[in-house]
Amino acid sequence: MKLILARHGNTFRADESAFYVGSQHDLPLVEFGITQAKLLGQCLSKMKPLTAVYTGPLLRMQATAQCALQEMHMDMKSIIDERLNELDYGLWSGLTSQEVKQRFGDDDYERWERQSLWPEKGAWGESEPEVIDRIRSFSEELIRRHADQDQVLVVASNGCLRYFLKLVHGAFDQQVAKKQLKIGTGHLCQLSYNNAQWHLDFWNQDPATLVL
């Protein structure tokens, strides 16, 4: 099974200040975000046909999947799964990076941004083990539901998607060490499941430059 992971398109215009957007903020895609979703669909149309599409419950995730499928001329409905929801950033939600530093200190901010270490302050809605558990639960269901040759797309958010790396032995720590953990808006990653193991094929690739 090939598992394609896509981050939703942009939810901020170029002239807007970005802030932490977790599960508490259900923002729509901006115009450029829609363009990114269409580009995603163009890239996916060059791959093996999709067997299924899963998204989290937020508008930005569902809209990205819908735009991509329309671009691919595929009459397929996305399956919404709560386990693919974005992280709940608690008191960080709605704050810019600078505001987080001012209110909660540089240390927590830097640990999260550089190493994906859960902050001690900010009352986030879940623990890291809880997030990992829901991703593992979802992946185990995929294994039961899909055949070896299936091509599956998941559209979700950066905070959630990074924990799919935990399915591959050592991959999460390797991406942290390379400072390549984050996924850009509209970007793609791919994992493969074969011989009862998950493998990382590629991470954070721009659909416009991805060589297939």
N, C-alpha and C. Protein backbone atom coordinates (compact mmCIF):
# COMPACT_ATOMS: atom_id res chain seq x y z
N MET A 1 0.84 -1.20 0.00
CA MET A 1 0.00 0.00 0.00
C MET A 1 0.88 1.25 0.00
N LYS A 2 0.50 2.18 -0.84
CA LYS A 2 1.13 3.50 -0.84
C LYS A 2 0.22 4.46 -0.09
N LEU A 3 0.79 5.16 0.88
CA LEU A 3 0.04 6.13 1.67
C LEU A 3 0.61 7.52 1.38
N ILE A 4 -0.17 8.32 0.65
CA ILE A 4 0.25 9.67 0.30
C ILE A 4 -0.33 10.63 1.34
N LEU A 5 0.53 11.43 1.92
CA LEU A 5 0.12 12.41 2.93
C LEU A 5 0.23 13.80 2.32
N ALA A 6 -0.84 14.58 2.39
CA ALA A 6 -0.83 15.93 1.85
C ALA A 6 -1.27 16.92 2.92
N ARG A 7 -0.51 17.99 3.04
CA ARG A 7 -0.96 19.08 3.92
C ARG A 7 -1.91 19.98 3.13
N HIS A 8 -2.91 20.47 3.80
CA HIS A 8 -3.89 21.36 3.17
C HIS A 8 -3.20 22.62 2.62
N GLY A 9 -3.92 23.34 1.77
CA GLY A 9 -3.40 24.58 1.20
C GLY A 9 -3.42 25.73 2.20
N ASN A 10 -2.92 26.87 1.75
CA ASN A 10 -2.78 28.05 2.61
C ASN A 10 -4.13 28.55 3.14
N THR A 11 -4.08 29.00 4.39
CA THR A 11 -5.25 29.62 5.02
C THR A 11 -5.00 31.09 5.35
N PHE A 12 -3.83 31.60 4.97
CA PHE A 12 -3.49 33.01 5.17
C PHE A 12 -3.04 33.62 3.85
N ARG A 13 -3.47 34.86 3.61
CA ARG A 13 -2.97 35.59 2.45
C ARG A 13 -1.55 36.09 2.75
N ALA A 14 -0.85 36.49 1.71
CA ALA A 14 0.53 36.94 1.86
C ALA A 14 0.63 38.20 2.72
N ASP A 15 -0.43 39.00 2.75
CA ASP A 15 -0.40 40.24 3.52
C ASP A 15 -0.94 40.07 4.94
N GLU A 16 -1.22 38.84 5.35
CA GLU A 16 -1.74 38.57 6.68
C GLU A 16 -0.66 37.97 7.58
N SER A 17 -0.77 38.23 8.87
CA SER A 17 0.14 37.63 9.85
C SER A 17 -0.37 36.24 10.22
N ALA A 18 0.47 35.24 10.03
CA ALA A 18 0.08 33.87 10.36
C ALA A 18 0.09 33.67 11.87
N PHE A 19 -0.83 32.85 12.35
CA PHE A 19 -0.85 32.50 13.77
C PHE A 19 -1.09 31.00 13.90
N TYR A 20 -0.95 30.50 15.12
CA TYR A 20 -1.13 29.07 15.35
C TYR A 20 -2.59 28.69 15.11
N VAL A 21 -2.79 27.82 14.14
CA VAL A 21 -4.13 27.39 13.74
C VAL A 21 -4.25 25.90 14.03
N GLY A 22 -4.88 25.58 15.14
CA GLY A 22 -5.07 24.19 15.50
C GLY A 22 -6.50 23.75 15.26
N SER A 23 -6.93 22.78 16.02
CA SER A 23 -8.29 22.25 15.83
C SER A 23 -9.37 23.23 16.29
N GLN A 24 -8.97 24.28 17.04
CA GLN A 24 -9.95 25.26 17.50
C GLN A 24 -10.35 26.26 16.42
N HIS A 25 -9.54 26.38 15.37
CA HIS A 25 -9.80 27.35 14.31
C HIS A 25 -10.10 26.62 13.00
N ASP A 26 -11.31 26.79 12.50
CA ASP A 26 -11.73 26.10 11.28
C ASP A 26 -11.70 27.08 10.11
N LEU A 27 -10.51 27.44 9.67
CA LEU A 27 -10.34 28.44 8.63
C LEU A 27 -10.52 27.85 7.24
N PRO A 28 -11.08 28.63 6.31
CA PRO A 28 -11.18 28.17 4.92
C PRO A 28 -9.86 28.40 4.19
N LEU A 29 -9.74 27.83 3.02
CA LEU A 29 -8.58 28.10 2.17
C LEU A 29 -8.69 29.50 1.58
N VAL A 30 -7.56 30.19 1.48
CA VAL A 30 -7.52 31.44 0.72
C VAL A 30 -7.34 31.09 -0.75
N GLU A 31 -7.35 32.10 -1.61
CA GLU A 31 -7.27 31.85 -3.06
C GLU A 31 -6.02 31.05 -3.43
N PHE A 32 -4.87 31.41 -2.84
CA PHE A 32 -3.65 30.67 -3.15
C PHE A 32 -3.73 29.23 -2.64
N GLY A 33 -4.43 29.03 -1.54
CA GLY A 33 -4.61 27.68 -1.02
C GLY A 33 -5.40 26.80 -1.98
N ILE A 34 -6.39 27.39 -2.64
CA ILE A 34 -7.16 26.66 -3.65
C ILE A 34 -6.28 26.31 -4.84
N THR A 35 -5.42 27.26 -5.23
CA THR A 35 -4.47 27.00 -6.31
C THR A 35 -3.55 25.85 -5.95
N GLN A 36 -3.08 25.84 -4.70
CA GLN A 36 -2.21 24.75 -4.24
C GLN A 36 -2.94 23.40 -4.30
N ALA A 37 -4.20 23.40 -3.92
CA ALA A 37 -4.98 22.16 -3.94
C ALA A 37 -5.16 21.64 -5.36
N LYS A 38 -5.36 22.55 -6.31
CA LYS A 38 -5.49 22.14 -7.71
C LYS A 38 -4.17 21.58 -8.23
N LEU A 39 -3.07 22.20 -7.84
CA LEU A 39 -1.75 21.71 -8.24
C LEU A 39 -1.50 20.32 -7.66
N LEU A 40 -1.96 20.12 -6.43
CA LEU A 40 -1.87 18.80 -5.81
C LEU A 40 -2.62 17.77 -6.65
N GLY A 41 -3.81 18.12 -7.09
CA GLY A 41 -4.59 17.22 -7.93
C GLY A 41 -3.89 16.90 -9.24
N GLN A 42 -3.27 17.91 -9.84
CA GLN A 42 -2.53 17.69 -11.09
C GLN A 42 -1.39 16.71 -10.89
N CYS A 43 -0.70 16.84 -9.77
CA CYS A 43 0.40 15.92 -9.46
C CYS A 43 -0.12 14.51 -9.22
N LEU A 44 -1.19 14.40 -8.46
CA LEU A 44 -1.74 13.08 -8.14
C LEU A 44 -2.29 12.38 -9.38
N SER A 45 -2.74 13.15 -10.35
CA SER A 45 -3.29 12.55 -11.57
C SER A 45 -2.22 11.82 -12.38
N LYS A 46 -0.96 12.12 -12.10
CA LYS A 46 0.15 11.45 -12.80
C LYS A 46 0.57 10.17 -12.09
N MET A 47 0.00 9.94 -10.92
CA MET A 47 0.32 8.75 -10.15
C MET A 47 -0.71 7.65 -10.42
N LYS A 48 -0.51 6.54 -9.78
CA LYS A 48 -1.48 5.45 -9.83
C LYS A 48 -2.82 5.93 -9.28
N PRO A 49 -3.95 5.53 -9.87
CA PRO A 49 -5.26 6.00 -9.40
C PRO A 49 -5.49 5.72 -7.91
N LEU A 50 -6.13 6.67 -7.27
CA LEU A 50 -6.39 6.55 -5.84
C LEU A 50 -7.48 5.51 -5.56
N THR A 51 -7.28 4.78 -4.48
CA THR A 51 -8.28 3.82 -4.01
C THR A 51 -9.25 4.48 -3.04
N ALA A 52 -8.71 5.38 -2.20
CA ALA A 52 -9.53 6.05 -1.18
C ALA A 52 -8.85 7.35 -0.77
N VAL A 53 -9.68 8.28 -0.26
CA VAL A 53 -9.19 9.56 0.25
C VAL A 53 -9.76 9.76 1.64
N TYR A 54 -8.89 10.09 2.58
CA TYR A 54 -9.29 10.36 3.96
C TYR A 54 -8.86 11.78 4.33
N THR A 55 -9.71 12.47 5.07
CA THR A 55 -9.35 13.80 5.56
C THR A 55 -9.76 13.92 7.03
N GLY A 56 -9.16 14.91 7.68
CA GLY A 56 -9.63 15.30 8.99
C GLY A 56 -10.93 16.09 8.86
N PRO A 57 -11.52 16.52 9.98
CA PRO A 57 -12.84 17.14 9.94
C PRO A 57 -12.87 18.62 9.61
N LEU A 58 -11.71 19.28 9.51
CA LEU A 58 -11.69 20.72 9.33
C LEU A 58 -11.89 21.12 7.87
N LEU A 59 -12.44 22.32 7.66
CA LEU A 59 -12.77 22.80 6.33
C LEU A 59 -11.57 22.82 5.41
N ARG A 60 -10.42 23.28 5.92
CA ARG A 60 -9.23 23.41 5.08
C ARG A 60 -8.75 22.07 4.55
N MET A 61 -8.95 21.03 5.33
CA MET A 61 -8.57 19.68 4.90
C MET A 61 -9.54 19.16 3.84
N GLN A 62 -10.83 19.29 4.13
CA GLN A 62 -11.85 18.78 3.21
C GLN A 62 -11.84 19.54 1.88
N ALA A 63 -11.64 20.86 1.94
CA ALA A 63 -11.63 21.66 0.72
C ALA A 63 -10.42 21.31 -0.16
N THR A 64 -9.28 21.06 0.48
CA THR A 64 -8.09 20.68 -0.29
C THR A 64 -8.32 19.36 -1.01
N ALA A 65 -8.88 18.39 -0.31
CA ALA A 65 -9.17 17.10 -0.93
C ALA A 65 -10.17 17.24 -2.06
N GLN A 66 -11.23 18.03 -1.83
CA GLN A 66 -12.27 18.20 -2.85
C GLN A 66 -11.71 18.86 -4.11
N CYS A 67 -10.91 19.92 -3.93
CA CYS A 67 -10.32 20.61 -5.09
C CYS A 67 -9.39 19.69 -5.86
N ALA A 68 -8.60 18.90 -5.13
CA ALA A 68 -7.68 17.97 -5.78
C ALA A 68 -8.43 16.92 -6.59
N LEU A 69 -9.49 16.38 -6.00
CA LEU A 69 -10.27 15.35 -6.70
C LEU A 69 -10.96 15.92 -7.94
N GLN A 70 -11.46 17.15 -7.84
CA GLN A 70 -12.09 17.79 -8.99
C GLN A 70 -11.07 17.99 -10.11
N GLU A 71 -9.86 18.37 -9.73
CA GLU A 71 -8.81 18.57 -10.73
C GLU A 71 -8.44 17.25 -11.41
N MET A 72 -8.60 16.15 -10.68
CA MET A 72 -8.30 14.82 -11.21
C MET A 72 -9.49 14.21 -11.96
N HIS A 73 -10.64 14.92 -11.95
CA HIS A 73 -11.87 14.43 -12.58
C HIS A 73 -12.28 13.08 -11.99
N MET A 74 -12.15 12.99 -10.67
CA MET A 74 -12.51 11.76 -9.97
C MET A 74 -13.79 11.96 -9.18
N ASP A 75 -14.75 11.12 -9.40
CA ASP A 75 -16.02 11.16 -8.67
C ASP A 75 -15.90 10.28 -7.43
N MET A 76 -15.18 10.79 -6.45
CA MET A 76 -14.91 10.04 -5.23
C MET A 76 -15.14 10.95 -4.03
N LYS A 77 -15.78 10.45 -3.00
CA LYS A 77 -16.01 11.22 -1.78
C LYS A 77 -14.92 10.92 -0.76
N SER A 78 -14.48 11.96 -0.08
CA SER A 78 -13.50 11.79 0.99
C SER A 78 -14.17 11.18 2.22
N ILE A 79 -13.43 10.39 2.93
CA ILE A 79 -13.89 9.81 4.19
C ILE A 79 -13.32 10.67 5.32
N ILE A 80 -14.21 11.25 6.11
CA ILE A 80 -13.77 12.12 7.21
C ILE A 80 -13.49 11.27 8.44
N ASP A 81 -12.31 11.47 9.01
CA ASP A 81 -11.90 10.68 10.17
C ASP A 81 -11.36 11.62 11.25
N GLU A 82 -11.99 11.60 12.42
CA GLU A 82 -11.60 12.50 13.51
C GLU A 82 -10.17 12.27 13.98
N ARG A 83 -9.63 11.10 13.73
CA ARG A 83 -8.25 10.81 14.15
C ARG A 83 -7.23 11.61 13.36
N LEU A 84 -7.68 12.22 12.27
CA LEU A 84 -6.81 13.05 11.43
C LEU A 84 -6.95 14.53 11.74
N ASN A 85 -7.60 14.86 12.84
CA ASN A 85 -7.76 16.26 13.22
C ASN A 85 -6.41 16.87 13.57
N GLU A 86 -6.34 18.19 13.44
CA GLU A 86 -5.11 18.90 13.80
C GLU A 86 -4.95 18.91 15.32
N LEU A 87 -3.73 19.21 15.77
CA LEU A 87 -3.48 19.32 17.20
C LEU A 87 -4.29 20.47 17.77
N ASP A 88 -4.61 20.38 19.04
CA ASP A 88 -5.24 21.47 19.77
C ASP A 88 -4.13 22.23 20.48
N TYR A 89 -3.80 23.41 19.96
CA TYR A 89 -2.68 24.18 20.50
C TYR A 89 -3.03 24.95 21.77
N GLY A 90 -4.17 24.69 22.33
CA GLY A 90 -4.52 25.27 23.62
C GLY A 90 -4.43 26.79 23.62
N LEU A 91 -3.68 27.32 24.59
CA LEU A 91 -3.54 28.77 24.73
C LEU A 91 -2.65 29.39 23.67
N TRP A 92 -1.97 28.57 22.90
CA TRP A 92 -1.19 29.09 21.77
C TRP A 92 -2.09 29.42 20.58
N SER A 93 -3.26 28.84 20.55
CA SER A 93 -4.17 29.02 19.40
C SER A 93 -4.50 30.49 19.20
N GLY A 94 -4.37 30.94 17.96
CA GLY A 94 -4.68 32.32 17.63
C GLY A 94 -3.54 33.29 17.86
N LEU A 95 -2.41 32.80 18.37
CA LEU A 95 -1.25 33.66 18.64
C LEU A 95 -0.21 33.53 17.54
N THR A 96 0.46 34.63 17.23
CA THR A 96 1.60 34.58 16.32
C THR A 96 2.79 33.99 17.06
N SER A 97 3.84 33.66 16.32
CA SER A 97 5.05 33.12 16.94
C SER A 97 5.61 34.08 17.98
N GLN A 98 5.62 35.36 17.65
CA GLN A 98 6.16 36.35 18.58
C GLN A 98 5.31 36.44 19.84
N GLU A 99 4.01 36.35 19.69
CA GLU A 99 3.13 36.40 20.86
C GLU A 99 3.30 35.17 21.75
N VAL A 100 3.52 34.01 21.14
CA VAL A 100 3.79 32.80 21.93
C VAL A 100 5.05 32.98 22.75
N LYS A 101 6.10 33.50 22.14
CA LYS A 101 7.36 33.72 22.85
C LYS A 101 7.17 34.69 24.01
N GLN A 102 6.42 35.74 23.77
CA GLN A 102 6.21 36.76 24.80
C GLN A 102 5.43 36.21 25.99
N ARG A 103 4.44 35.39 25.72
CA ARG A 103 3.56 34.90 26.79
C ARG A 103 4.08 33.64 27.48
N PHE A 104 4.75 32.78 26.72
CA PHE A 104 5.13 31.47 27.27
C PHE A 104 6.63 31.21 27.27
N GLY A 105 7.40 32.14 26.72
CA GLY A 105 8.85 32.01 26.77
C GLY A 105 9.45 31.38 25.52
N ASP A 106 10.71 31.73 25.27
CA ASP A 106 11.40 31.23 24.08
C ASP A 106 11.65 29.73 24.13
N ASP A 107 11.91 29.19 25.33
CA ASP A 107 12.32 27.79 25.44
C ASP A 107 11.26 26.84 24.90
N ASP A 108 10.03 27.00 25.38
CA ASP A 108 8.95 26.12 24.92
C ASP A 108 8.74 26.25 23.41
N TYR A 109 8.79 27.48 22.94
CA TYR A 109 8.58 27.73 21.51
C TYR A 109 9.66 27.06 20.67
N GLU A 110 10.92 27.26 21.06
CA GLU A 110 12.03 26.70 20.29
C GLU A 110 12.04 25.18 20.33
N ARG A 111 11.71 24.61 21.48
CA ARG A 111 11.69 23.14 21.58
C ARG A 111 10.64 22.54 20.66
N TRP A 112 9.48 23.20 20.59
CA TRP A 112 8.44 22.69 19.70
C TRP A 112 8.84 22.87 18.23
N GLU A 113 9.28 24.06 17.86
CA GLU A 113 9.57 24.36 16.47
C GLU A 113 10.76 23.57 15.94
N ARG A 114 11.76 23.35 16.79
CA ARG A 114 12.98 22.69 16.33
C ARG A 114 12.96 21.17 16.52
N GLN A 115 12.30 20.71 17.61
CA GLN A 115 12.39 19.29 17.95
C GLN A 115 11.03 18.60 18.10
N SER A 116 9.96 19.37 17.95
CA SER A 116 8.61 18.84 18.14
C SER A 116 8.42 18.28 19.55
N LEU A 117 9.01 18.95 20.53
CA LEU A 117 8.84 18.57 21.93
C LEU A 117 7.67 19.34 22.51
N TRP A 118 6.76 18.63 23.13
CA TRP A 118 5.55 19.24 23.67
C TRP A 118 5.90 20.33 24.69
N PRO A 119 5.26 21.50 24.61
CA PRO A 119 5.57 22.58 25.56
C PRO A 119 5.05 22.29 26.96
N GLU A 120 5.75 22.83 27.94
CA GLU A 120 5.32 22.68 29.32
C GLU A 120 4.20 23.65 29.67
N LYS A 121 4.13 24.76 28.94
CA LYS A 121 3.12 25.78 29.19
C LYS A 121 2.22 25.92 27.97
N GLY A 122 1.00 26.31 28.21
CA GLY A 122 0.10 26.58 27.10
C GLY A 122 -1.15 25.72 27.06
N ALA A 123 -1.23 24.72 27.95
CA ALA A 123 -2.46 23.92 28.09
C ALA A 123 -2.95 23.35 26.76
N TRP A 124 -2.06 22.67 26.04
CA TRP A 124 -2.47 22.02 24.79
C TRP A 124 -3.52 20.95 25.08
N GLY A 125 -4.37 20.69 24.11
CA GLY A 125 -5.53 19.84 24.34
C GLY A 125 -5.26 18.36 24.43
N GLU A 126 -4.12 17.90 23.92
CA GLU A 126 -3.76 16.48 23.97
C GLU A 126 -2.32 16.35 24.41
N SER A 127 -1.97 15.14 24.80
CA SER A 127 -0.56 14.82 25.03
C SER A 127 0.02 14.23 23.76
N GLU A 128 1.33 14.22 23.65
CA GLU A 128 1.96 13.60 22.48
C GLU A 128 1.60 12.12 22.35
N PRO A 129 1.63 11.33 23.44
CA PRO A 129 1.24 9.92 23.31
C PRO A 129 -0.18 9.74 22.78
N GLU A 130 -1.09 10.64 23.15
CA GLU A 130 -2.47 10.54 22.65
C GLU A 130 -2.53 10.76 21.14
N VAL A 131 -1.75 11.72 20.65
CA VAL A 131 -1.72 11.98 19.21
C VAL A 131 -1.12 10.79 18.47
N ILE A 132 -0.02 10.27 18.99
CA ILE A 132 0.62 9.11 18.37
C ILE A 132 -0.33 7.92 18.35
N ASP A 133 -1.08 7.74 19.43
CA ASP A 133 -2.03 6.62 19.51
C ASP A 133 -3.10 6.72 18.43
N ARG A 134 -3.62 7.94 18.20
CA ARG A 134 -4.69 8.05 17.20
C ARG A 134 -4.15 7.85 15.78
N ILE A 135 -2.91 8.26 15.55
CA ILE A 135 -2.32 8.02 14.24
C ILE A 135 -2.06 6.52 14.03
N ARG A 136 -1.57 5.86 15.06
CA ARG A 136 -1.34 4.41 14.96
C ARG A 136 -2.66 3.66 14.76
N SER A 137 -3.68 4.08 15.48
CA SER A 137 -5.00 3.45 15.34
C SER A 137 -5.50 3.59 13.90
N PHE A 138 -5.36 4.79 13.36
CA PHE A 138 -5.79 5.03 11.98
C PHE A 138 -5.00 4.18 11.00
N SER A 139 -3.68 4.12 11.17
CA SER A 139 -2.84 3.36 10.24
C SER A 139 -3.13 1.86 10.32
N GLU A 140 -3.42 1.38 11.51
CA GLU A 140 -3.76 -0.04 11.66
C GLU A 140 -5.07 -0.38 10.94
N GLU A 141 -6.00 0.57 10.98
CA GLU A 141 -7.26 0.35 10.26
C GLU A 141 -7.03 0.35 8.74
N LEU A 142 -6.13 1.21 8.28
CA LEU A 142 -5.80 1.21 6.85
C LEU A 142 -5.26 -0.14 6.41
N ILE A 143 -4.39 -0.71 7.24
CA ILE A 143 -3.80 -2.01 6.91
C ILE A 143 -4.88 -3.08 6.80
N ARG A 144 -5.84 -3.03 7.71
CA ARG A 144 -6.93 -4.02 7.68
C ARG A 144 -7.85 -3.81 6.49
N ARG A 145 -8.05 -2.55 6.11
CA ARG A 145 -9.06 -2.21 5.11
C ARG A 145 -8.55 -2.29 3.67
N HIS A 146 -7.26 -2.04 3.47
CA HIS A 146 -6.76 -1.89 2.11
C HIS A 146 -5.79 -3.00 1.71
N ALA A 147 -5.79 -3.28 0.41
CA ALA A 147 -4.92 -4.31 -0.15
C ALA A 147 -3.52 -3.75 -0.40
N ASP A 148 -2.59 -4.65 -0.65
CA ASP A 148 -1.19 -4.26 -0.84
C ASP A 148 -1.01 -3.27 -1.99
N GLN A 149 -1.81 -3.40 -3.03
CA GLN A 149 -1.63 -2.56 -4.22
C GLN A 149 -2.40 -1.25 -4.15
N ASP A 150 -3.10 -0.98 -3.07
CA ASP A 150 -3.94 0.22 -2.97
C ASP A 150 -3.10 1.49 -2.85
N GLN A 151 -3.67 2.58 -3.34
CA GLN A 151 -3.07 3.92 -3.30
C GLN A 151 -4.02 4.80 -2.50
N VAL A 152 -3.59 5.25 -1.33
CA VAL A 152 -4.46 5.96 -0.39
C VAL A 152 -3.93 7.37 -0.15
N LEU A 153 -4.83 8.34 -0.17
CA LEU A 153 -4.47 9.73 0.11
C LEU A 153 -5.05 10.16 1.45
N VAL A 154 -4.23 10.83 2.25
CA VAL A 154 -4.66 11.45 3.49
C VAL A 154 -4.38 12.95 3.40
N VAL A 155 -5.38 13.78 3.65
CA VAL A 155 -5.20 15.22 3.68
C VAL A 155 -5.47 15.70 5.11
N ALA A 156 -4.46 16.32 5.70
CA ALA A 156 -4.58 16.78 7.08
C ALA A 156 -3.66 17.98 7.27
N SER A 157 -3.27 18.24 8.51
CA SER A 157 -2.47 19.42 8.84
C SER A 157 -1.07 19.03 9.32
N ASN A 158 -0.20 20.02 9.34
CA ASN A 158 1.21 19.80 9.64
C ASN A 158 1.46 19.17 11.00
N GLY A 159 0.77 19.67 12.03
CA GLY A 159 1.00 19.15 13.37
C GLY A 159 0.66 17.69 13.50
N CYS A 160 -0.43 17.28 12.87
CA CYS A 160 -0.87 15.89 12.90
C CYS A 160 -0.03 15.00 12.00
N LEU A 161 0.22 15.45 10.77
CA LEU A 161 0.87 14.60 9.77
C LEU A 161 2.28 14.18 10.16
N ARG A 162 3.00 15.04 10.88
CA ARG A 162 4.38 14.69 11.24
C ARG A 162 4.45 13.40 12.05
N TYR A 163 3.38 13.06 12.75
CA TYR A 163 3.41 11.87 13.61
C TYR A 163 3.23 10.57 12.83
N PHE A 164 2.95 10.66 11.53
CA PHE A 164 3.01 9.46 10.70
C PHE A 164 4.45 8.95 10.60
N LEU A 165 5.41 9.83 10.81
CA LEU A 165 6.82 9.40 10.81
C LEU A 165 7.09 8.40 11.92
N LYS A 166 6.30 8.44 12.98
CA LYS A 166 6.48 7.51 14.09
C LYS A 166 6.19 6.06 13.67
N LEU A 167 5.53 5.88 12.53
CA LEU A 167 5.25 4.53 12.04
C LEU A 167 6.50 3.86 11.48
N VAL A 168 7.48 4.68 11.10
CA VAL A 168 8.71 4.18 10.48
C VAL A 168 9.84 4.27 11.49
N HIS A 169 10.47 3.17 11.78
CA HIS A 169 11.51 3.13 12.81
C HIS A 169 12.60 4.17 12.54
N GLY A 170 12.79 5.08 13.49
CA GLY A 170 13.86 6.06 13.42
C GLY A 170 13.60 7.26 12.54
N ALA A 171 12.51 7.26 11.76
CA ALA A 171 12.30 8.32 10.77
C ALA A 171 12.02 9.67 11.42
N PHE A 172 11.26 9.68 12.51
CA PHE A 172 10.92 10.94 13.17
C PHE A 172 12.19 11.63 13.65
N ASP A 173 13.03 10.90 14.35
CA ASP A 173 14.28 11.47 14.88
C ASP A 173 15.21 11.91 13.76
N GLN A 174 15.23 11.18 12.67
CA GLN A 174 16.08 11.55 11.54
C GLN A 174 15.63 12.87 10.93
N GLN A 175 14.33 13.06 10.78
CA GLN A 175 13.82 14.31 10.22
C GLN A 175 14.08 15.48 11.16
N VAL A 176 13.98 15.23 12.47
CA VAL A 176 14.29 16.28 13.45
C VAL A 176 15.75 16.67 13.33
N ALA A 177 16.63 15.69 13.25
CA ALA A 177 18.07 15.95 13.16
C ALA A 177 18.42 16.74 11.90
N LYS A 178 17.70 16.47 10.82
CA LYS A 178 17.94 17.17 9.55
C LYS A 178 17.20 18.51 9.48
N LYS A 179 16.41 18.82 10.52
CA LYS A 179 15.58 20.02 10.56
C LYS A 179 14.62 20.04 9.37
N GLN A 180 14.06 18.86 9.08
CA GLN A 180 13.15 18.72 7.95
C GLN A 180 11.86 18.02 8.37
N LEU A 181 11.37 18.38 9.55
CA LEU A 181 10.17 17.73 10.07
C LEU A 181 8.89 18.31 9.49
N LYS A 182 8.88 19.62 9.30
CA LYS A 182 7.66 20.30 8.87
C LYS A 182 7.29 19.97 7.43
N ILE A 183 6.00 20.10 7.15
CA ILE A 183 5.46 19.92 5.81
C ILE A 183 4.88 21.25 5.35
N GLY A 184 5.30 21.73 4.20
CA GLY A 184 4.78 22.98 3.67
C GLY A 184 3.34 22.84 3.23
N THR A 185 2.61 23.94 3.20
CA THR A 185 1.23 23.89 2.74
C THR A 185 1.18 23.39 1.30
N GLY A 186 0.27 22.46 1.05
CA GLY A 186 0.12 21.89 -0.28
C GLY A 186 1.18 20.89 -0.67
N HIS A 187 2.08 20.55 0.26
CA HIS A 187 3.17 19.62 -0.06
C HIS A 187 2.78 18.18 0.23
N LEU A 188 3.58 17.27 -0.32
CA LEU A 188 3.30 15.84 -0.27
C LEU A 188 4.39 15.05 0.45
N CYS A 189 3.96 13.95 1.06
CA CYS A 189 4.86 12.94 1.62
C CYS A 189 4.31 11.58 1.19
N GLN A 190 5.15 10.57 1.28
CA GLN A 190 4.66 9.23 0.95
C GLN A 190 5.32 8.17 1.82
N LEU A 191 4.48 7.28 2.34
CA LEU A 191 4.92 6.09 3.05
C LEU A 191 4.44 4.87 2.28
N SER A 192 5.17 3.78 2.41
CA SER A 192 4.76 2.50 1.81
C SER A 192 4.65 1.46 2.90
N TYR A 193 3.66 0.58 2.75
CA TYR A 193 3.52 -0.54 3.68
C TYR A 193 3.70 -1.83 2.91
N ASN A 194 4.76 -2.55 3.24
CA ASN A 194 4.99 -3.87 2.64
C ASN A 194 5.81 -4.72 3.58
N ASN A 195 5.65 -6.01 3.45
CA ASN A 195 6.34 -6.96 4.34
C ASN A 195 6.10 -6.63 5.82
N ALA A 196 4.87 -6.21 6.12
CA ALA A 196 4.44 -5.92 7.49
C ALA A 196 5.22 -4.77 8.13
N GLN A 197 5.74 -3.86 7.31
CA GLN A 197 6.47 -2.70 7.83
C GLN A 197 6.15 -1.45 7.02
N TRP A 198 6.20 -0.32 7.71
CA TRP A 198 6.08 0.97 7.04
C TRP A 198 7.46 1.47 6.65
N HIS A 199 7.52 2.13 5.48
CA HIS A 199 8.77 2.69 4.98
C HIS A 199 8.51 4.12 4.51
N LEU A 200 9.50 4.99 4.68
CA LEU A 200 9.38 6.37 4.22
C LEU A 200 9.95 6.49 2.81
N ASP A 201 9.11 6.91 1.86
CA ASP A 201 9.54 7.08 0.47
C ASP A 201 10.07 8.49 0.22
N PHE A 202 9.30 9.49 0.63
CA PHE A 202 9.78 10.88 0.53
C PHE A 202 8.96 11.74 1.49
N TRP A 203 9.49 12.95 1.76
CA TRP A 203 8.87 13.82 2.77
C TRP A 203 8.92 15.27 2.30
N ASN A 204 7.81 15.96 2.46
CA ASN A 204 7.71 17.40 2.21
C ASN A 204 8.16 17.78 0.81
N GLN A 205 7.55 17.18 -0.18
CA GLN A 205 7.89 17.49 -1.57
C GLN A 205 6.86 18.43 -2.18
N ASP A 206 7.35 19.41 -2.92
CA ASP A 206 6.48 20.34 -3.64
C ASP A 206 5.91 19.63 -4.87
N PRO A 207 4.59 19.57 -5.02
CA PRO A 207 4.01 18.90 -6.19
C PRO A 207 4.51 19.45 -7.52
N ALA A 208 4.88 20.75 -7.52
CA ALA A 208 5.32 21.38 -8.77
C ALA A 208 6.67 20.85 -9.24
N THR A 209 7.47 20.32 -8.31
CA THR A 209 8.82 19.87 -8.66
C THR A 209 9.05 18.39 -8.39
N LEU A 210 8.02 17.69 -7.90
CA LEU A 210 8.17 16.28 -7.57
C LEU A 210 8.39 15.46 -8.84
N VAL A 211 9.47 14.69 -8.84
CA VAL A 211 9.78 13.81 -9.97
C VAL A 211 9.20 12.44 -9.68
N LEU A 212 8.31 11.97 -10.53
CA LEU A 212 7.63 10.69 -10.33
C LEU A 212 8.29 9.59 -11.16
